[in-house]
PDB file of all heavy atoms in Angstrom:
ATOM      1  N   PHE A   1      -1.911   6.594  -7.975  1.00  0.00           N
ATOM      2  CA  PHE A   1      -2.019   6.809  -6.530  1.00  0.00           C
ATOM      3  C   PHE A   1      -3.302   6.161  -6.020  1.00  0.00           C
ATOM      4  O   PHE A   1      -4.205   5.855  -6.785  1.00  0.00           O
ATOM      5  CB  PHE A   1      -2.009   8.307  -6.189  1.00  0.00           C
ATOM      6  CG  PHE A   1      -3.166   9.065  -6.766  1.00  0.00           C
ATOM      7  CD1 PHE A   1      -4.361   9.207  -6.064  1.00  0.00           C
ATOM      8  CD2 PHE A   1      -3.074   9.638  -8.027  1.00  0.00           C
ATOM      9  CE1 PHE A   1      -5.439   9.902  -6.601  1.00  0.00           C
ATOM     10  CE2 PHE A   1      -4.144  10.343  -8.569  1.00  0.00           C
ATOM     11  CZ  PHE A   1      -5.324  10.467  -7.858  1.00  0.00           C
ATOM     12  N   LYS A   2      -3.341   5.957  -4.721  1.00  0.00           N
ATOM     13  CA  LYS A   2      -4.535   5.431  -4.051  1.00  0.00           C
ATOM     14  C   LYS A   2      -5.064   6.509  -3.120  1.00  0.00           C
ATOM     15  O   LYS A   2      -4.320   7.392  -2.706  1.00  0.00           O
ATOM     16  CB  LYS A   2      -4.195   4.187  -3.223  1.00  0.00           C
ATOM     17  CG  LYS A   2      -3.751   3.001  -4.033  1.00  0.00           C
ATOM     18  CD  LYS A   2      -3.443   1.834  -3.113  1.00  0.00           C
ATOM     19  CE  LYS A   2      -2.998   0.621  -3.907  1.00  0.00           C
ATOM     20  NZ  LYS A   2      -2.756  -0.531  -3.038  1.00  0.00           N
ATOM     21  N   LEU A   3      -6.336   6.405  -2.782  1.00  0.00           N
ATOM     22  CA  LEU A   3      -6.915   7.303  -1.800  1.00  0.00           C
ATOM     23  C   LEU A   3      -6.772   6.667  -0.427  1.00  0.00           C
ATOM     24  O   LEU A   3      -7.029   5.479  -0.261  1.00  0.00           O
ATOM     25  CB  LEU A   3      -8.388   7.572  -2.109  1.00  0.00           C
ATOM     26  CG  LEU A   3      -8.648   8.264  -3.443  1.00  0.00           C
ATOM     27  CD1 LEU A   3     -10.144   8.414  -3.680  1.00  0.00           C
ATOM     28  CD2 LEU A   3      -7.962   9.617  -3.490  1.00  0.00           C
ATOM     29  N   GLY A   4      -6.366   7.459   0.543  1.00  0.00           N
ATOM     30  CA  GLY A   4      -6.188   6.961   1.898  1.00  0.00           C
ATOM     31  C   GLY A   4      -7.516   6.630   2.561  1.00  0.00           C
ATOM     32  O   GLY A   4      -8.537   7.257   2.293  1.00  0.00           O
ATOM     33  N   ARG A   5      -7.499   5.651   3.426  1.00  0.00           N
ATOM     34  CA  ARG A   5      -8.700   5.240   4.145  1.00  0.00           C
ATOM     35  C   ARG A   5      -9.220   6.352   5.047  1.00  0.00           C
ATOM     36  O   ARG A   5     -10.393   6.472   5.288  1.00  0.00           O
ATOM     37  CB  ARG A   5      -8.396   3.994   4.952  1.00  0.00           C
ATOM     38  CG  ARG A   5      -9.600   3.207   5.269  1.00  0.00           C
ATOM     39  CD  ARG A   5      -9.235   1.853   5.832  1.00  0.00           C
ATOM     40  NE  ARG A   5     -10.370   1.313   6.506  1.00  0.00           N
ATOM     41  CZ  ARG A   5     -11.385   0.736   5.885  1.00  0.00           C
ATOM     42  NH1 ARG A   5     -11.363   0.604   4.590  1.00  0.00           N
ATOM     43  NH2 ARG A   5     -12.402   0.282   6.561  1.00  0.00           N
ATOM     44  N   GLY A   6      -8.323   7.163   5.560  1.00  0.00           N
ATOM     45  CA  GLY A   6      -8.711   8.256   6.440  1.00  0.00           C
ATOM     46  C   GLY A   6      -9.310   9.435   5.702  1.00  0.00           C
ATOM     47  O   GLY A   6      -9.788  10.374   6.319  1.00  0.00           O
ATOM     48  N   GLY A   7      -9.285   9.406   4.399  1.00  0.00           N
ATOM     49  CA  GLY A   7      -9.895  10.472   3.619  1.00  0.00           C
ATOM     50  C   GLY A   7      -8.879  11.403   3.006  1.00  0.00           C
ATOM     51  O   GLY A   7      -8.149  12.091   3.713  1.00  0.00           O
ATOM     52  N   ASP A   8      -8.799  11.405   1.718  1.00  0.00           N
ATOM     53  CA  ASP A   8      -7.966  12.332   0.961  1.00  0.00           C
ATOM     54  C   ASP A   8      -8.897  13.207   0.143  1.00  0.00           C
ATOM     55  O   ASP A   8     -10.084  12.930   0.034  1.00  0.00           O
ATOM     56  CB  ASP A   8      -7.038  11.573   0.000  1.00  0.00           C
ATOM     57  CG  ASP A   8      -5.923  10.837   0.708  1.00  0.00           C
ATOM     58  OD1 ASP A   8      -5.437  11.360   1.735  1.00  0.00           O
ATOM     59  OD2 ASP A   8      -5.523   9.756   0.248  1.00  0.00           O
ATOM     60  N   ALA A   9      -8.364  14.236  -0.445  1.00  0.00           N
ATOM     61  CA  ALA A   9      -9.141  15.074  -1.354  1.00  0.00           C
ATOM     62  C   ALA A   9      -8.726  14.752  -2.787  1.00  0.00           C
ATOM     63  O   ALA A   9      -7.624  14.284  -3.031  1.00  0.00           O
ATOM     64  CB  ALA A   9      -8.903  16.550  -1.057  1.00  0.00           C
ATOM     65  N   VAL A  10      -9.616  15.004  -3.718  1.00  0.00           N
ATOM     66  CA  VAL A  10      -9.335  14.826  -5.136  1.00  0.00           C
ATOM     67  C   VAL A  10      -9.588  16.157  -5.827  1.00  0.00           C
ATOM     68  O   VAL A  10     -10.621  16.793  -5.611  1.00  0.00           O
ATOM     69  CB  VAL A  10     -10.238  13.730  -5.762  1.00  0.00           C
ATOM     70  CG1 VAL A  10     -10.000  13.633  -7.256  1.00  0.00           C
ATOM     71  CG2 VAL A  10      -9.993  12.388  -5.089  1.00  0.00           C
ATOM     72  N   TYR A  11      -8.632  16.585  -6.653  1.00  0.00           N
ATOM     73  CA  TYR A  11      -8.752  17.832  -7.400  1.00  0.00           C
ATOM     74  C   TYR A  11      -8.601  17.521  -8.884  1.00  0.00           C
ATOM     75  O   TYR A  11      -7.754  16.727  -9.267  1.00  0.00           O
ATOM     76  CB  TYR A  11      -7.641  18.812  -7.012  1.00  0.00           C
ATOM     77  CG  TYR A  11      -7.675  19.239  -5.571  1.00  0.00           C
ATOM     78  CD1 TYR A  11      -7.087  18.473  -4.579  1.00  0.00           C
ATOM     79  CD2 TYR A  11      -8.294  20.429  -5.202  1.00  0.00           C
ATOM     80  CE1 TYR A  11      -7.113  18.868  -3.255  1.00  0.00           C
ATOM     81  CE2 TYR A  11      -8.324  20.835  -3.886  1.00  0.00           C
ATOM     82  CZ  TYR A  11      -7.729  20.048  -2.913  1.00  0.00           C
ATOM     83  OH  TYR A  11      -7.766  20.452  -1.608  1.00  0.00           O
ATOM     84  N   LEU A  12      -9.405  18.147  -9.690  1.00  0.00           N
ATOM     85  CA  LEU A  12      -9.227  18.088 -11.141  1.00  0.00           C
ATOM     86  C   LEU A  12      -8.814  19.484 -11.584  1.00  0.00           C
ATOM     87  O   LEU A  12      -9.476  20.472 -11.257  1.00  0.00           O
ATOM     88  CB  LEU A  12     -10.532  17.678 -11.835  1.00  0.00           C
ATOM     89  CG  LEU A  12     -11.027  16.266 -11.541  1.00  0.00           C
ATOM     90  CD1 LEU A  12     -12.362  16.026 -12.252  1.00  0.00           C
ATOM     91  CD2 LEU A  12     -10.009  15.225 -11.965  1.00  0.00           C
ATOM     92  N   PHE A  13      -7.707  19.546 -12.321  1.00  0.00           N
ATOM     93  CA  PHE A  13      -7.183  20.827 -12.780  1.00  0.00           C
ATOM     94  C   PHE A  13      -7.321  20.932 -14.289  1.00  0.00           C
ATOM     95  O   PHE A  13      -7.212  19.936 -15.007  1.00  0.00           O
ATOM     96  CB  PHE A  13      -5.690  20.955 -12.430  1.00  0.00           C
ATOM     97  CG  PHE A  13      -5.410  21.026 -10.960  1.00  0.00           C
ATOM     98  CD1 PHE A  13      -5.111  19.890 -10.239  1.00  0.00           C
ATOM     99  CD2 PHE A  13      -5.439  22.250 -10.310  1.00  0.00           C
ATOM    100  CE1 PHE A  13      -4.853  19.957  -8.882  1.00  0.00           C
ATOM    101  CE2 PHE A  13      -5.171  22.335  -8.956  1.00  0.00           C
ATOM    102  CZ  PHE A  13      -4.880  21.187  -8.237  1.00  0.00           C
ATOM    103  N   ARG A  14      -7.513  22.140 -14.749  1.00  0.00           N
ATOM    104  CA  ARG A  14      -7.418  22.409 -16.184  1.00  0.00           C
ATOM    105  C   ARG A  14      -5.942  22.325 -16.562  1.00  0.00           C
ATOM    106  O   ARG A  14      -5.074  22.498 -15.712  1.00  0.00           O
ATOM    107  CB  ARG A  14      -7.944  23.810 -16.478  1.00  0.00           C
ATOM    108  CG  ARG A  14      -9.414  23.958 -16.223  1.00  0.00           C
ATOM    109  CD  ARG A  14      -9.851  25.360 -16.539  1.00  0.00           C
ATOM    110  NE  ARG A  14     -11.249  25.500 -16.166  1.00  0.00           N
ATOM    111  CZ  ARG A  14     -11.908  26.627 -16.241  1.00  0.00           C
ATOM    112  NH1 ARG A  14     -11.326  27.716 -16.664  1.00  0.00           N
ATOM    113  NH2 ARG A  14     -13.171  26.665 -15.890  1.00  0.00           N
ATOM    114  N   PRO A  15      -5.652  22.096 -17.832  1.00  0.00           N
ATOM    115  CA  PRO A  15      -4.242  21.975 -18.219  1.00  0.00           C
ATOM    116  C   PRO A  15      -3.511  23.317 -18.288  1.00  0.00           C
ATOM    117  O   PRO A  15      -2.344  23.369 -18.648  1.00  0.00           O
ATOM    118  CB  PRO A  15      -4.317  21.309 -19.595  1.00  0.00           C
ATOM    119  CG  PRO A  15      -5.647  21.691 -20.119  1.00  0.00           C
ATOM    120  CD  PRO A  15      -6.557  21.805 -18.920  1.00  0.00           C
ATOM    121  N   ASP A  16      -4.190  24.415 -17.941  1.00  0.00           N
ATOM    122  CA  ASP A  16      -3.583  25.749 -18.014  1.00  0.00           C
ATOM    123  C   ASP A  16      -2.415  25.904 -17.041  1.00  0.00           C
ATOM    124  O   ASP A  16      -2.263  25.166 -16.089  1.00  0.00           O
ATOM    125  CB  ASP A  16      -4.623  26.832 -17.666  1.00  0.00           C
ATOM    126  CG  ASP A  16      -5.926  26.680 -18.423  1.00  0.00           C
ATOM    127  OD1 ASP A  16      -5.900  26.084 -19.512  1.00  0.00           O
ATOM    128  OD2 ASP A  16      -6.962  27.135 -17.910  1.00  0.00           O
ATOM    129  N   ARG A  17      -1.636  26.893 -17.295  1.00  0.00           N
ATOM    130  CA  ARG A  17      -0.597  27.320 -16.356  1.00  0.00           C
ATOM    131  C   ARG A  17      -0.871  28.774 -16.052  1.00  0.00           C
ATOM    132  O   ARG A  17      -1.047  29.551 -16.972  1.00  0.00           O
ATOM    133  CB  ARG A  17       0.796  27.173 -16.978  1.00  0.00           C
ATOM    134  CG  ARG A  17       1.221  25.756 -17.089  1.00  0.00           C
ATOM    135  CD  ARG A  17       2.208  25.502 -16.007  1.00  0.00           C
ATOM    136  NE  ARG A  17       2.709  24.148 -16.122  1.00  0.00           N
ATOM    137  CZ  ARG A  17       3.113  23.475 -15.081  1.00  0.00           C
ATOM    138  NH1 ARG A  17       3.064  23.996 -13.898  1.00  0.00           N
ATOM    139  NH2 ARG A  17       3.575  22.283 -15.227  1.00  0.00           N
ATOM    140  N   PRO A  18      -0.937  29.250 -14.863  1.00  0.00           N
ATOM    141  CA  PRO A  18      -0.850  28.442 -13.654  1.00  0.00           C
ATOM    142  C   PRO A  18      -2.075  27.521 -13.535  1.00  0.00           C
ATOM    143  O   PRO A  18      -3.102  27.750 -14.168  1.00  0.00           O
ATOM    144  CB  PRO A  18      -0.825  29.471 -12.520  1.00  0.00           C
ATOM    145  CG  PRO A  18      -1.517  30.656 -13.080  1.00  0.00           C
ATOM    146  CD  PRO A  18      -1.227  30.649 -14.558  1.00  0.00           C
ATOM    147  N   LEU A  19      -1.939  26.521 -12.683  1.00  0.00           N
ATOM    148  CA  LEU A  19      -3.004  25.535 -12.524  1.00  0.00           C
ATOM    149  C   LEU A  19      -4.277  26.193 -11.997  1.00  0.00           C
ATOM    150  O   LEU A  19      -4.241  27.014 -11.092  1.00  0.00           O
ATOM    151  CB  LEU A  19      -2.573  24.426 -11.563  1.00  0.00           C
ATOM    152  CG  LEU A  19      -1.430  23.539 -12.054  1.00  0.00           C
ATOM    153  CD1 LEU A  19      -1.037  22.544 -10.979  1.00  0.00           C
ATOM    154  CD2 LEU A  19      -1.799  22.822 -13.326  1.00  0.00           C
ATOM    155  N   VAL A  20      -5.408  25.806 -12.599  1.00  0.00           N
ATOM    156  CA  VAL A  20      -6.717  26.306 -12.199  1.00  0.00           C
ATOM    157  C   VAL A  20      -7.569  25.102 -11.815  1.00  0.00           C
ATOM    158  O   VAL A  20      -7.696  24.155 -12.591  1.00  0.00           O
ATOM    159  CB  VAL A  20      -7.405  27.078 -13.354  1.00  0.00           C
ATOM    160  CG1 VAL A  20      -8.803  27.503 -12.969  1.00  0.00           C
ATOM    161  CG2 VAL A  20      -6.560  28.266 -13.767  1.00  0.00           C
ATOM    162  N   ILE A  21      -8.136  25.128 -10.599  1.00  0.00           N
ATOM    163  CA  ILE A  21      -8.963  24.013 -10.150  1.00  0.00           C
ATOM    164  C   ILE A  21     -10.271  24.013 -10.923  1.00  0.00           C
ATOM    165  O   ILE A  21     -10.992  25.005 -10.938  1.00  0.00           O
ATOM    166  CB  ILE A  21      -9.247  24.103  -8.637  1.00  0.00           C
ATOM    167  CG1 ILE A  21      -7.947  23.958  -7.856  1.00  0.00           C
ATOM    168  CG2 ILE A  21     -10.244  23.021  -8.213  1.00  0.00           C
ATOM    169  CD1 ILE A  21      -8.112  24.184  -6.358  1.00  0.00           C
ATOM    170  N   GLU A  22     -10.563  22.900 -11.575  1.00  0.00           N
ATOM    171  CA  GLU A  22     -11.816  22.723 -12.301  1.00  0.00           C
ATOM    172  C   GLU A  22     -12.886  22.150 -11.383  1.00  0.00           C
ATOM    173  O   GLU A  22     -14.038  22.531 -11.429  1.00  0.00           O
ATOM    174  CB  GLU A  22     -11.593  21.784 -13.498  1.00  0.00           C
ATOM    175  CG  GLU A  22     -12.827  21.500 -14.312  1.00  0.00           C
ATOM    176  CD  GLU A  22     -13.346  22.698 -15.074  1.00  0.00           C
ATOM    177  OE1 GLU A  22     -12.554  23.607 -15.385  1.00  0.00           O
ATOM    178  OE2 GLU A  22     -14.551  22.734 -15.353  1.00  0.00           O
ATOM    179  N   SER A  23     -12.495  21.210 -10.541  1.00  0.00           N
ATOM    180  CA  SER A  23     -13.429  20.555  -9.634  1.00  0.00           C
ATOM    181  C   SER A  23     -12.652  20.045  -8.436  1.00  0.00           C
ATOM    182  O   SER A  23     -11.481  19.700  -8.557  1.00  0.00           O
ATOM    183  CB  SER A  23     -14.128  19.397 -10.347  1.00  0.00           C
ATOM    184  OG  SER A  23     -15.069  18.785  -9.505  1.00  0.00           O
ATOM    185  N   GLN A  24     -13.319  19.991  -7.290  1.00  0.00           N
ATOM    186  CA  GLN A  24     -12.648  19.583  -6.069  1.00  0.00           C
ATOM    187  C   GLN A  24     -13.623  18.822  -5.192  1.00  0.00           C
ATOM    188  O   GLN A  24     -14.773  19.213  -5.046  1.00  0.00           O
ATOM    189  CB  GLN A  24     -12.135  20.835  -5.370  1.00  0.00           C
ATOM    190  CG  GLN A  24     -11.751  20.667  -3.955  1.00  0.00           C
ATOM    191  CD  GLN A  24     -11.334  21.987  -3.327  1.00  0.00           C
ATOM    192  OE1 GLN A  24     -11.183  22.999  -3.992  1.00  0.00           O
ATOM    193  NE2 GLN A  24     -11.154  21.963  -2.032  1.00  0.00           N
ATOM    194  N   SER A  25     -13.153  17.740  -4.609  1.00  0.00           N
ATOM    195  CA  SER A  25     -13.970  16.975  -3.668  1.00  0.00           C
ATOM    196  C   SER A  25     -13.868  17.621  -2.293  1.00  0.00           C
ATOM    197  O   SER A  25     -13.000  18.462  -2.056  1.00  0.00           O
ATOM    198  CB  SER A  25     -13.456  15.534  -3.588  1.00  0.00           C
ATOM    199  OG  SER A  25     -12.214  15.502  -2.903  1.00  0.00           O
ATOM    200  N   PRO A  26     -14.734  17.218  -1.373  1.00  0.00           N
ATOM    201  CA  PRO A  26     -14.547  17.670   0.009  1.00  0.00           C
ATOM    202  C   PRO A  26     -13.187  17.202   0.515  1.00  0.00           C
ATOM    203  O   PRO A  26     -12.668  16.181   0.081  1.00  0.00           O
ATOM    204  CB  PRO A  26     -15.674  16.970   0.770  1.00  0.00           C
ATOM    205  CG  PRO A  26     -16.696  16.647  -0.260  1.00  0.00           C
ATOM    206  CD  PRO A  26     -15.925  16.391  -1.522  1.00  0.00           C
ATOM    207  N   ASP A  27     -12.602  17.951   1.413  1.00  0.00           N
ATOM    208  CA  ASP A  27     -11.293  17.624   1.967  1.00  0.00           C
ATOM    209  C   ASP A  27     -11.412  17.522   3.477  1.00  0.00           C
ATOM    210  O   ASP A  27     -11.664  18.520   4.121  1.00  0.00           O
ATOM    211  CB  ASP A  27     -10.282  18.688   1.581  1.00  0.00           C
ATOM    212  CG  ASP A  27      -8.864  18.334   1.995  1.00  0.00           C
ATOM    213  OD1 ASP A  27      -8.644  17.207   2.470  1.00  0.00           O
ATOM    214  OD2 ASP A  27      -7.979  19.189   1.845  1.00  0.00           O
ATOM    215  N   PRO A  28     -11.310  16.332   4.039  1.00  0.00           N
ATOM    216  CA  PRO A  28     -11.026  15.069   3.373  1.00  0.00           C
ATOM    217  C   PRO A  28     -12.303  14.421   2.857  1.00  0.00           C
ATOM    218  O   PRO A  28     -13.402  14.753   3.313  1.00  0.00           O
ATOM    219  CB  PRO A  28     -10.432  14.226   4.494  1.00  0.00           C
ATOM    220  CG  PRO A  28     -11.133  14.706   5.722  1.00  0.00           C
ATOM    221  CD  PRO A  28     -11.339  16.188   5.501  1.00  0.00           C
TER     222      PRO A  28
END
């Protein structure tokens, strides 16, 4: 995927289920 010019967010998840956010960028 690409990041949109208008600003997207990026999330890194642990491989656990349910998904747990490990790190998150500002949104957008």
